[in-house]
Amino acid sequence: MSGAEQDEGGGQERVSAFMGRSKYPRRRLIDAIRFLPLLGLGLWFLPLLWNARADETPMSHAILYVFGVWLMLVVAAGFLAVLVARLNSDTDDPVQENGLTKRL
């Protein structure tokens, strides 16, 4: 069952509400890429919740934490981009709308 099915009574096509199995993992990876900035923002604001007393958390630890989060986000984005590229190369049919390839 692909995206469109024919109605039994007439010749009209009925569009399925569910996406195909080949598109689902790709869409979830794109959703994960879109979520990364929100995750990074939340992780970057986390040091603001730490106690402001200098003897408990040195500023150098906070700076290392912020750059560690940044590095983690860069690596995660690169990893997810490679996975999406592999899934795109595996599918032979790009999503098309009105004869033009649509970017997701």
N, C-alpha and C. Protein backbone atom coordinates (compact mmCIF):
# COMPACT_ATOMS: atom_id res chain seq x y z
N MET A 1 0.83 -1.17 0.00
CA MET A 1 0.00 0.00 0.00
C MET A 1 0.87 1.24 0.00
N SER A 2 0.81 1.96 -1.03
CA SER A 2 1.56 3.20 -1.09
C SER A 2 0.69 4.34 -0.61
N GLY A 3 1.00 5.55 -1.00
CA GLY A 3 0.30 6.73 -0.52
C GLY A 3 -1.12 6.87 -1.03
N ALA A 4 -1.45 6.30 -2.19
CA ALA A 4 -2.79 6.48 -2.77
C ALA A 4 -3.42 5.12 -3.03
N GLU A 5 -4.73 5.05 -2.77
CA GLU A 5 -5.49 3.82 -3.02
C GLU A 5 -6.70 4.19 -3.86
N GLN A 6 -7.17 3.25 -4.70
CA GLN A 6 -8.36 3.49 -5.48
C GLN A 6 -9.58 3.08 -4.69
N ASP A 7 -10.63 3.88 -4.81
CA ASP A 7 -11.89 3.58 -4.15
C ASP A 7 -12.56 2.44 -4.90
N GLU A 8 -13.28 1.55 -4.20
CA GLU A 8 -13.89 0.39 -4.82
C GLU A 8 -15.02 0.77 -5.77
N GLY A 9 -15.82 1.78 -5.42
CA GLY A 9 -16.98 2.14 -6.23
C GLY A 9 -16.63 2.95 -7.45
N GLY A 10 -15.75 3.86 -7.36
CA GLY A 10 -15.41 4.74 -8.47
C GLY A 10 -13.94 4.70 -8.77
N GLY A 11 -13.53 5.58 -9.65
CA GLY A 11 -12.14 5.62 -10.03
C GLY A 11 -11.34 6.66 -9.27
N GLN A 12 -11.95 7.25 -8.24
CA GLN A 12 -11.26 8.29 -7.50
C GLN A 12 -10.20 7.69 -6.59
N GLU A 13 -9.12 8.42 -6.42
CA GLU A 13 -8.05 7.97 -5.53
C GLU A 13 -8.24 8.54 -4.15
N ARG A 14 -7.93 7.73 -3.16
CA ARG A 14 -8.02 8.15 -1.77
C ARG A 14 -6.59 8.18 -1.22
N VAL A 15 -6.19 9.30 -0.64
CA VAL A 15 -4.84 9.45 -0.12
C VAL A 15 -4.80 8.89 1.30
N SER A 16 -3.82 8.06 1.56
CA SER A 16 -3.66 7.45 2.87
C SER A 16 -3.19 8.50 3.88
N ALA A 17 -3.66 8.36 5.12
CA ALA A 17 -3.28 9.30 6.18
C ALA A 17 -1.89 8.99 6.73
N PHE A 18 -1.35 7.83 6.43
CA PHE A 18 -0.07 7.41 6.98
C PHE A 18 1.00 7.49 5.90
N MET A 19 2.22 7.82 6.32
CA MET A 19 3.32 7.87 5.37
C MET A 19 3.93 6.47 5.21
N GLY A 20 4.62 6.28 4.12
CA GLY A 20 5.22 4.99 3.85
C GLY A 20 6.34 4.66 4.82
N ARG A 21 6.66 3.39 4.91
CA ARG A 21 7.70 2.95 5.84
C ARG A 21 9.07 3.50 5.49
N SER A 22 9.32 3.75 4.23
CA SER A 22 10.64 4.25 3.83
C SER A 22 10.84 5.71 4.22
N LYS A 23 9.76 6.48 4.36
CA LYS A 23 9.88 7.90 4.69
C LYS A 23 9.88 8.15 6.19
N TYR A 24 9.35 7.24 6.97
CA TYR A 24 9.19 7.48 8.40
C TYR A 24 10.51 7.71 9.14
N PRO A 25 11.54 6.86 8.98
CA PRO A 25 12.81 7.11 9.70
C PRO A 25 13.46 8.43 9.30
N ARG A 26 13.36 8.78 8.03
CA ARG A 26 13.94 10.02 7.56
C ARG A 26 13.25 11.23 8.20
N ARG A 27 11.94 11.17 8.30
CA ARG A 27 11.21 12.27 8.93
C ARG A 27 11.56 12.40 10.41
N ARG A 28 11.72 11.27 11.10
CA ARG A 28 12.07 11.32 12.52
C ARG A 28 13.48 11.88 12.72
N LEU A 29 14.40 11.57 11.81
CA LEU A 29 15.74 12.15 11.90
C LEU A 29 15.71 13.66 11.66
N ILE A 30 14.88 14.09 10.73
CA ILE A 30 14.75 15.53 10.47
C ILE A 30 14.14 16.20 11.70
N ASP A 31 13.18 15.56 12.35
CA ASP A 31 12.62 16.10 13.59
C ASP A 31 13.68 16.21 14.68
N ALA A 32 14.57 15.21 14.76
CA ALA A 32 15.65 15.25 15.75
C ALA A 32 16.61 16.41 15.46
N ILE A 33 16.89 16.66 14.19
CA ILE A 33 17.76 17.77 13.82
C ILE A 33 17.10 19.10 14.19
N ARG A 34 15.80 19.19 14.00
CA ARG A 34 15.09 20.42 14.37
C ARG A 34 15.04 20.62 15.88
N PHE A 35 15.12 19.55 16.65
CA PHE A 35 15.06 19.64 18.11
C PHE A 35 16.41 20.02 18.72
N LEU A 36 17.50 19.79 18.01
CA LEU A 36 18.84 20.07 18.55
C LEU A 36 19.03 21.50 19.06
N PRO A 37 18.59 22.54 18.35
CA PRO A 37 18.78 23.89 18.91
C PRO A 37 18.05 24.10 20.23
N LEU A 38 16.87 23.52 20.38
CA LEU A 38 16.13 23.65 21.64
C LEU A 38 16.86 22.92 22.77
N LEU A 39 17.38 21.75 22.46
CA LEU A 39 18.15 21.01 23.44
C LEU A 39 19.40 21.79 23.86
N GLY A 40 20.08 22.35 22.88
CA GLY A 40 21.28 23.14 23.17
C GLY A 40 20.96 24.37 24.01
N LEU A 41 19.86 25.04 23.69
CA LEU A 41 19.48 26.21 24.46
C LEU A 41 19.19 25.84 25.92
N GLY A 42 18.48 24.74 26.11
CA GLY A 42 18.20 24.29 27.47
C GLY A 42 19.46 23.91 28.23
N LEU A 43 20.38 23.23 27.55
CA LEU A 43 21.63 22.84 28.20
C LEU A 43 22.52 24.04 28.49
N TRP A 44 22.47 25.06 27.61
CA TRP A 44 23.29 26.25 27.85
C TRP A 44 22.74 27.08 29.01
N PHE A 45 21.44 27.05 29.23
CA PHE A 45 20.87 27.80 30.36
C PHE A 45 20.99 27.06 31.68
N LEU A 46 21.37 25.81 31.64
CA LEU A 46 21.51 25.02 32.86
C LEU A 46 22.52 25.61 33.85
N PRO A 47 23.66 26.16 33.41
CA PRO A 47 24.59 26.75 34.40
C PRO A 47 23.98 27.92 35.17
N LEU A 48 22.96 28.56 34.63
CA LEU A 48 22.32 29.65 35.36
C LEU A 48 21.61 29.13 36.62
N LEU A 49 21.26 27.86 36.62
CA LEU A 49 20.58 27.27 37.78
C LEU A 49 21.57 26.81 38.84
N TRP A 50 22.85 26.74 38.49
CA TRP A 50 23.85 26.36 39.46
C TRP A 50 23.94 27.45 40.52
N ASN A 51 24.43 27.09 41.64
CA ASN A 51 24.59 28.05 42.72
C ASN A 51 25.60 29.12 42.30
N ALA A 52 25.29 30.37 42.56
CA ALA A 52 26.13 31.48 42.11
C ALA A 52 27.37 31.68 42.97
N ARG A 53 27.50 30.92 44.01
CA ARG A 53 28.69 31.08 44.86
C ARG A 53 29.92 30.54 44.14
N ALA A 54 30.98 31.33 44.14
CA ALA A 54 32.18 31.01 43.37
C ALA A 54 32.96 29.84 43.97
N ASP A 55 32.81 29.59 45.26
CA ASP A 55 33.61 28.52 45.85
C ASP A 55 33.06 27.13 45.52
N GLU A 56 31.81 27.03 45.10
CA GLU A 56 31.24 25.72 44.76
C GLU A 56 31.44 25.35 43.29
N THR A 57 31.26 26.31 42.39
CA THR A 57 31.40 26.04 40.96
C THR A 57 32.29 27.10 40.35
N PRO A 58 33.53 26.77 40.04
CA PRO A 58 34.42 27.76 39.42
C PRO A 58 33.94 28.13 38.02
N MET A 59 34.25 29.32 37.63
CA MET A 59 33.87 29.82 36.31
C MET A 59 34.50 28.97 35.20
N SER A 60 35.70 28.45 35.46
CA SER A 60 36.36 27.63 34.44
C SER A 60 35.56 26.36 34.15
N HIS A 61 34.91 25.80 35.16
CA HIS A 61 34.07 24.61 34.94
C HIS A 61 32.85 24.96 34.11
N ALA A 62 32.26 26.12 34.38
CA ALA A 62 31.10 26.55 33.61
C ALA A 62 31.46 26.79 32.15
N ILE A 63 32.63 27.38 31.91
CA ILE A 63 33.06 27.63 30.54
C ILE A 63 33.34 26.31 29.82
N LEU A 64 33.99 25.39 30.50
CA LEU A 64 34.22 24.06 29.91
C LEU A 64 32.90 23.35 29.61
N TYR A 65 31.93 23.51 30.49
CA TYR A 65 30.61 22.90 30.27
C TYR A 65 29.95 23.49 29.02
N VAL A 66 29.97 24.81 28.88
CA VAL A 66 29.32 25.46 27.73
C VAL A 66 29.98 25.01 26.43
N PHE A 67 31.31 24.97 26.38
CA PHE A 67 31.98 24.52 25.15
C PHE A 67 31.83 23.02 24.93
N GLY A 68 31.70 22.25 25.99
CA GLY A 68 31.43 20.82 25.85
C GLY A 68 30.05 20.58 25.25
N VAL A 69 29.07 21.35 25.69
CA VAL A 69 27.72 21.25 25.10
C VAL A 69 27.77 21.65 23.63
N TRP A 70 28.49 22.72 23.33
CA TRP A 70 28.61 23.15 21.94
C TRP A 70 29.22 22.06 21.07
N LEU A 71 30.30 21.45 21.56
CA LEU A 71 30.96 20.38 20.81
C LEU A 71 30.02 19.18 20.63
N MET A 72 29.28 18.84 21.68
CA MET A 72 28.32 17.73 21.58
C MET A 72 27.25 18.02 20.54
N LEU A 73 26.76 19.26 20.48
CA LEU A 73 25.74 19.62 19.49
C LEU A 73 26.28 19.55 18.06
N VAL A 74 27.52 19.97 17.88
CA VAL A 74 28.14 19.91 16.54
C VAL A 74 28.29 18.46 16.10
N VAL A 75 28.77 17.61 16.99
CA VAL A 75 28.95 16.19 16.66
C VAL A 75 27.60 15.53 16.40
N ALA A 76 26.60 15.82 17.22
CA ALA A 76 25.27 15.23 17.04
C ALA A 76 24.65 15.68 15.72
N ALA A 77 24.79 16.96 15.38
CA ALA A 77 24.24 17.46 14.12
C ALA A 77 24.93 16.81 12.92
N GLY A 78 26.25 16.66 13.00
CA GLY A 78 26.98 16.00 11.92
C GLY A 78 26.58 14.55 11.76
N PHE A 79 26.42 13.85 12.88
CA PHE A 79 26.02 12.45 12.85
C PHE A 79 24.62 12.29 12.24
N LEU A 80 23.69 13.13 12.67
CA LEU A 80 22.32 13.06 12.14
C LEU A 80 22.29 13.45 10.66
N ALA A 81 23.11 14.40 10.25
CA ALA A 81 23.16 14.79 8.84
C ALA A 81 23.67 13.64 7.97
N VAL A 82 24.66 12.91 8.47
CA VAL A 82 25.17 11.75 7.72
C VAL A 82 24.08 10.68 7.60
N LEU A 83 23.34 10.45 8.68
CA LEU A 83 22.26 9.45 8.63
C LEU A 83 21.17 9.86 7.64
N VAL A 84 20.81 11.13 7.63
CA VAL A 84 19.79 11.59 6.68
C VAL A 84 20.30 11.47 5.25
N ALA A 85 21.57 11.79 5.02
CA ALA A 85 22.14 11.67 3.68
C ALA A 85 22.14 10.21 3.22
N ARG A 86 22.44 9.29 4.13
CA ARG A 86 22.41 7.86 3.76
C ARG A 86 21.00 7.41 3.43
N LEU A 87 20.02 7.87 4.20
CA LEU A 87 18.64 7.50 3.92
C LEU A 87 18.17 8.12 2.61
N ASN A 88 18.62 9.34 2.30
CA ASN A 88 18.25 9.97 1.03
C ASN A 88 18.86 9.23 -0.14
N SER A 89 20.07 8.72 0.00
CA SER A 89 20.70 8.01 -1.10
C SER A 89 20.08 6.63 -1.31
N ASP A 90 19.48 6.07 -0.25
CA ASP A 90 18.84 4.76 -0.36
C ASP A 90 17.50 4.83 -1.07
N THR A 91 16.79 5.94 -0.97
CA THR A 91 15.48 6.06 -1.60
C THR A 91 15.66 6.56 -3.01
N ASP A 92 14.92 5.95 -3.93
CA ASP A 92 15.01 6.34 -5.34
C ASP A 92 13.97 7.37 -5.73
N ASP A 93 12.95 7.55 -4.90
CA ASP A 93 11.89 8.47 -5.27
C ASP A 93 11.86 9.66 -4.32
N PRO A 94 12.36 10.82 -4.76
CA PRO A 94 12.29 12.00 -3.90
C PRO A 94 10.85 12.48 -3.79
N VAL A 95 10.55 13.18 -2.73
CA VAL A 95 9.22 13.71 -2.55
C VAL A 95 9.02 14.82 -3.57
N GLN A 96 7.97 14.70 -4.38
CA GLN A 96 7.74 15.68 -5.42
C GLN A 96 6.36 16.29 -5.25
N GLU A 97 6.29 17.56 -5.59
CA GLU A 97 5.03 18.27 -5.56
C GLU A 97 4.98 19.15 -6.79
N ASN A 98 4.01 18.94 -7.64
CA ASN A 98 3.86 19.69 -8.90
C ASN A 98 5.07 19.52 -9.80
N GLY A 99 5.68 18.36 -9.80
CA GLY A 99 6.80 18.09 -10.67
C GLY A 99 8.13 18.60 -10.17
N LEU A 100 8.16 19.30 -9.05
CA LEU A 100 9.39 19.85 -8.50
C LEU A 100 9.76 19.07 -7.23
N THR A 101 11.03 18.89 -7.02
CA THR A 101 11.48 18.19 -5.82
C THR A 101 11.28 19.12 -4.62
N LYS A 102 10.64 18.60 -3.60
CA LYS A 102 10.33 19.39 -2.41
C LYS A 102 11.33 19.07 -1.33
N ARG A 103 11.89 20.09 -0.70
CA ARG A 103 12.81 19.90 0.42
C ARG A 103 12.01 19.71 1.69
N LEU A 104 12.43 18.76 2.51
CA LEU A 104 11.72 18.52 3.77
C LEU A 104 12.40 19.17 4.90
